[in-house]
Amino acid sequence: MSATRTEAHSLTTREVMKIFEAAGIPRAQRSIERYCQQGDLDCLPDAIERRQYITRESVDTLIGQLKELAARHQQASAEQMSTTPDDTPRQPPTDDAMKHGTPEKRDEKHAAGEDDKAVEALKARIKELEVQNLNLEIGKRASEQFVGMLREEITQQVQVFSTQLTQTSRRVGQLETEMRLLKAPDRDRHATRDDSAARDGAAPIDAEFIEESRTSHDGRDNVQTNHASQP
């Protein structure tokens, strides 16, 4: 893998997949990424974009190697079918082949494991989405119930407020009527209990004044009578 990106690092893993497919040796995206990690392709990982940039030269070189290995494998198979096992000498594997193996062998070795990992990753993602969907549904129902409760409470409060407002308006009207009656002239006002009490309190005084007037008048009459009767 390259340390710095050059102009040659222009292909993404998906574009490389299309090139492999056009060459007749299709490969999965994970296989392309593994080729990059193992150094079979000249790649530059971009941490920001989270993708690999690959040179076309390394892609063509690897495709040529894979085709050559496939041709050798077919040729060896044909020779084995045409000769006996004793006539075909076995070539000992080289140290590099024993250590790393060919790209074709590595691809076949990891193909099944990669498929299983992909299936497990998809299952985990599906379960995660199902849990998120369930949480969203629960939150939606809770929100709807809460909004319904708020609406009902607001409706009740509005009804109570309307009733109180109506009662207050009526009371204000009554108070205004009473104030108008209190401001009416005295001639239009009917006698009250206070007026009757005032008249009852003044009655003894009037009676005493009348009695004194009668006594003084009777005294003057008696004096005149006595004078008239003397010779």
Protein backbone atom coordinates (compact mmCIF):
# COMPACT_ATOMS: atom_id res chain seq x y z
CA MET A 1 0.00 0.00 0.00
CA SER A 2 1.34 3.40 -1.01
CA ALA A 3 2.16 6.03 1.56
CA THR A 4 1.24 8.97 -0.66
CA ARG A 5 -1.38 9.32 -3.34
CA THR A 6 -0.35 10.00 -6.91
CA GLU A 7 -2.27 10.72 -10.07
CA ALA A 8 -2.19 7.02 -10.87
CA HIS A 9 -4.30 6.24 -7.77
CA SER A 10 -7.56 7.00 -9.49
CA LEU A 11 -9.66 3.81 -9.25
CA THR A 12 -12.04 2.92 -6.44
CA THR A 13 -12.78 -0.62 -5.31
CA ARG A 14 -16.10 -0.65 -7.18
CA GLU A 15 -14.42 0.44 -10.40
CA VAL A 16 -11.80 -2.29 -9.93
CA MET A 17 -14.61 -4.82 -9.43
CA LYS A 18 -16.04 -3.84 -12.82
CA ILE A 19 -12.61 -4.23 -14.44
CA PHE A 20 -12.19 -7.73 -12.94
CA GLU A 21 -15.66 -8.67 -14.10
CA ALA A 22 -14.95 -7.44 -17.64
CA ALA A 23 -11.75 -9.52 -17.62
CA GLY A 24 -13.76 -12.67 -16.89
CA ILE A 25 -12.54 -13.15 -13.31
CA PRO A 26 -15.14 -11.38 -11.13
CA ARG A 27 -14.19 -10.60 -7.55
CA ALA A 28 -16.16 -9.28 -4.56
CA GLN A 29 -15.38 -5.93 -2.96
CA ARG A 30 -13.93 -7.65 0.10
CA SER A 31 -11.54 -9.57 -2.16
CA ILE A 32 -10.36 -6.31 -3.74
CA GLU A 33 -9.81 -4.80 -0.29
CA ARG A 34 -7.88 -7.90 0.79
CA TYR A 35 -5.68 -7.64 -2.31
CA CYS A 36 -4.88 -4.10 -1.19
CA GLN A 37 -4.04 -5.18 2.35
CA GLN A 38 -1.83 -8.03 1.14
CA GLY A 39 0.04 -5.86 -1.36
CA ASP A 40 -1.26 -7.51 -4.52
CA LEU A 41 -2.66 -4.13 -5.58
CA ASP A 42 -1.06 -0.69 -5.32
CA CYS A 43 -3.60 1.06 -3.06
CA LEU A 44 -3.79 4.21 -1.02
CA PRO A 45 -6.34 4.28 1.83
CA ASP A 46 -8.14 7.62 2.29
CA ALA A 47 -9.15 7.97 5.95
CA ILE A 48 -11.40 10.95 5.29
CA GLU A 49 -13.42 9.39 2.47
CA ARG A 50 -13.01 5.86 3.91
CA ARG A 51 -12.16 4.27 0.59
CA GLN A 52 -9.20 2.85 -1.33
CA TYR A 53 -7.65 4.46 -4.40
CA ILE A 54 -5.92 1.95 -6.70
CA THR A 55 -3.63 2.26 -9.71
CA ARG A 56 -4.74 0.80 -13.03
CA GLU A 57 -1.27 -0.65 -13.63
CA SER A 58 -1.43 -2.83 -10.52
CA VAL A 59 -4.93 -3.97 -11.48
CA ASP A 60 -3.83 -5.06 -14.96
CA THR A 61 -0.77 -6.80 -13.49
CA LEU A 62 -2.85 -8.76 -10.99
CA ILE A 63 -5.41 -9.71 -13.63
CA GLY A 64 -2.58 -11.02 -15.81
CA GLN A 65 -1.15 -13.05 -12.90
CA LEU A 66 -4.53 -14.52 -12.06
CA LYS A 67 -5.19 -15.48 -15.68
CA GLU A 68 -1.73 -17.03 -15.96
CA LEU A 69 -2.28 -19.01 -12.77
CA ALA A 70 -5.65 -20.16 -14.00
CA ALA A 71 -4.14 -21.25 -17.32
CA ARG A 72 -1.38 -23.14 -15.51
CA HIS A 73 -3.92 -24.78 -13.29
CA GLN A 74 -5.94 -25.92 -16.29
CA GLN A 75 -2.82 -27.13 -18.05
CA ALA A 76 -1.68 -29.05 -14.99
CA SER A 77 -5.10 -30.60 -14.63
CA ALA A 78 -5.07 -31.66 -18.26
CA GLU A 79 -1.61 -33.20 -17.91
CA GLN A 80 -2.67 -35.06 -14.79
CA MET A 81 -5.65 -36.48 -16.62
CA SER A 82 -3.48 -37.59 -19.57
CA THR A 83 -0.67 -39.16 -17.48
CA THR A 84 -0.52 -41.37 -14.43
CA PRO A 85 0.27 -39.91 -11.02
CA ASP A 86 3.65 -41.69 -11.01
CA ASP A 87 4.71 -40.10 -14.30
CA THR A 88 3.92 -36.56 -13.12
CA PRO A 89 6.59 -35.29 -10.78
CA ARG A 90 5.42 -33.02 -8.04
CA GLN A 91 7.15 -29.70 -7.80
CA PRO A 92 7.86 -28.67 -4.23
CA PRO A 93 6.23 -25.41 -3.31
CA THR A 94 8.45 -22.42 -2.89
CA ASP A 95 8.91 -20.66 0.42
CA ASP A 96 6.86 -17.69 -0.74
CA ALA A 97 4.02 -19.94 -1.90
CA MET A 98 4.05 -21.85 1.38
CA LYS A 99 4.01 -18.62 3.36
CA HIS A 100 1.47 -16.59 1.45
CA GLY A 101 0.01 -18.80 -1.27
CA THR A 102 -1.15 -17.53 -4.62
CA PRO A 103 -3.84 -14.86 -4.89
CA GLU A 104 -6.17 -17.46 -6.40
CA LYS A 105 -5.74 -19.81 -3.46
CA ARG A 106 -6.16 -17.03 -0.93
CA ASP A 107 -9.31 -15.92 -2.69
CA GLU A 108 -10.79 -19.41 -2.65
CA LYS A 109 -9.81 -19.88 0.98
CA HIS A 110 -11.53 -16.76 2.24
CA ALA A 111 -14.52 -16.73 -0.09
CA ALA A 112 -16.75 -18.87 2.11
CA GLY A 113 -15.75 -17.06 5.28
CA GLU A 114 -16.39 -13.67 3.69
CA ASP A 115 -19.86 -14.72 2.57
CA ASP A 116 -20.69 -15.90 6.07
CA LYS A 117 -19.40 -12.65 7.55
CA ALA A 118 -21.43 -10.64 5.06
CA VAL A 119 -24.58 -12.59 5.92
CA GLU A 120 -23.99 -12.13 9.65
CA ALA A 121 -23.38 -8.40 9.15
CA LEU A 122 -26.63 -8.10 7.20
CA LYS A 123 -28.55 -9.99 9.88
CA ALA A 124 -27.11 -7.76 12.60
CA ARG A 125 -28.00 -4.66 10.60
CA ILE A 126 -31.56 -5.91 10.05
CA LYS A 127 -31.98 -6.55 13.77
CA GLU A 128 -30.63 -3.09 14.55
CA LEU A 129 -33.08 -1.49 12.12
CA GLU A 130 -35.95 -3.50 13.59
CA VAL A 131 -35.08 -2.30 17.09
CA GLN A 132 -34.86 1.31 15.88
CA ASN A 133 -38.21 0.96 14.12
CA LEU A 134 -39.79 -0.46 17.28
CA ASN A 135 -38.41 2.39 19.39
CA LEU A 136 -39.72 4.94 16.91
CA GLU A 137 -43.17 3.32 16.95
CA ILE A 138 -43.24 3.32 20.76
CA GLY A 139 -42.15 6.97 20.86
CA LYS A 140 -44.81 7.88 18.30
CA ARG A 141 -47.59 6.23 20.30
CA ALA A 142 -46.42 7.86 23.53
CA SER A 143 -46.36 11.26 21.84
CA GLU A 144 -49.88 10.77 20.48
CA GLN A 145 -51.20 9.80 23.93
CA PHE A 146 -49.49 12.79 25.55
CA VAL A 147 -50.90 15.18 22.93
CA GLY A 148 -54.37 13.72 23.46
CA MET A 149 -54.13 14.22 27.22
CA LEU A 150 -53.00 17.83 26.72
CA ARG A 151 -55.89 18.53 24.37
CA GLU A 152 -58.42 17.10 26.82
CA GLU A 153 -56.97 19.07 29.71
CA ILE A 154 -56.94 22.31 27.70
CA THR A 155 -60.57 21.74 26.67
CA GLN A 156 -61.63 21.28 30.29
CA GLN A 157 -59.72 24.39 31.38
CA VAL A 158 -61.36 26.43 28.62
CA GLN A 159 -64.80 25.26 29.71
CA VAL A 160 -64.12 26.14 33.35
CA PHE A 161 -62.72 29.53 32.37
CA SER A 162 -65.75 30.25 30.18
CA THR A 163 -68.12 29.39 33.03
CA GLN A 164 -66.22 31.59 35.49
CA LEU A 165 -66.14 34.43 32.97
CA THR A 166 -69.90 34.21 32.45
CA GLN A 167 -70.56 34.24 36.20
CA THR A 168 -68.21 37.18 36.70
CA SER A 169 -69.92 39.14 33.92
CA ARG A 170 -73.31 38.57 35.54
CA ARG A 171 -72.03 39.66 38.95
CA VAL A 172 -70.52 42.81 37.43
CA GLY A 173 -73.89 43.60 35.87
CA GLN A 174 -75.61 43.18 39.22
CA LEU A 175 -73.10 45.44 40.94
CA GLU A 176 -73.56 48.12 38.27
CA THR A 177 -77.32 48.00 38.77
CA GLU A 178 -76.94 48.35 42.54
CA MET A 179 -74.60 51.32 42.10
CA ARG A 180 -77.13 53.06 39.85
CA LEU A 181 -79.82 52.57 42.51
CA LEU A 182 -77.57 54.04 45.20
CA LYS A 183 -76.93 57.16 43.10
CA ALA A 184 -80.69 57.86 42.53
CA PRO A 185 -82.22 61.17 43.95
CA ASP A 186 -83.81 61.21 47.48
CA ARG A 187 -87.27 62.02 46.15
CA ASP A 188 -87.29 58.85 44.19
CA ARG A 189 -85.99 56.85 47.12
CA HIS A 190 -88.48 54.83 49.16
CA ALA A 191 -88.53 54.97 52.96
CA THR A 192 -86.19 52.58 54.63
CA ARG A 193 -85.99 51.14 58.13
CA ASP A 194 -83.54 53.86 59.17
CA ASP A 195 -86.06 56.56 58.24
CA SER A 196 -88.80 54.84 60.29
CA ALA A 197 -86.47 54.59 63.29
CA ALA A 198 -85.65 58.28 63.06
CA ARG A 199 -89.33 59.19 63.03
CA ASP A 200 -90.07 56.89 66.00
CA GLY A 201 -87.25 58.51 68.02
CA ALA A 202 -88.60 62.02 67.38
CA ALA A 203 -92.20 61.14 68.44
CA PRO A 204 -91.65 61.40 72.29
CA ILE A 205 -90.06 64.83 71.88
CA ASP A 206 -93.04 66.10 69.91
CA ALA A 207 -95.48 64.73 72.50
CA GLU A 208 -93.61 66.43 75.36
CA PHE A 209 -93.67 69.76 73.54
CA ILE A 210 -97.40 69.49 72.93
CA GLU A 211 -98.06 68.66 76.60
CA GLU A 212 -96.11 71.70 77.86
CA SER A 213 -98.01 73.91 75.47
CA ARG A 214 -101.33 72.68 76.79
CA THR A 215 -100.28 73.20 80.48
CA SER A 216 -99.20 76.79 79.93
CA HIS A 217 -102.42 77.59 78.03
CA ASP A 218 -104.64 76.13 80.79
CA GLY A 219 -102.79 78.25 83.41
CA ARG A 220 -103.49 81.47 81.52
CA ASP A 221 -107.18 80.56 81.22
CA ASN A 222 -107.50 79.99 84.98
CA VAL A 223 -105.94 83.38 85.81
CA GLN A 224 -108.36 85.19 83.51
CA THR A 225 -111.30 83.40 85.07
CA ASN A 226 -110.30 84.37 88.61
CA HIS A 227 -109.96 88.03 87.67
CA ALA A 228 -113.38 88.00 86.08
CA SER A 229 -115.08 86.54 89.14
CA GLN A 230 -113.79 89.16 91.64
CA PRO A 231 -116.15 92.23 92.32
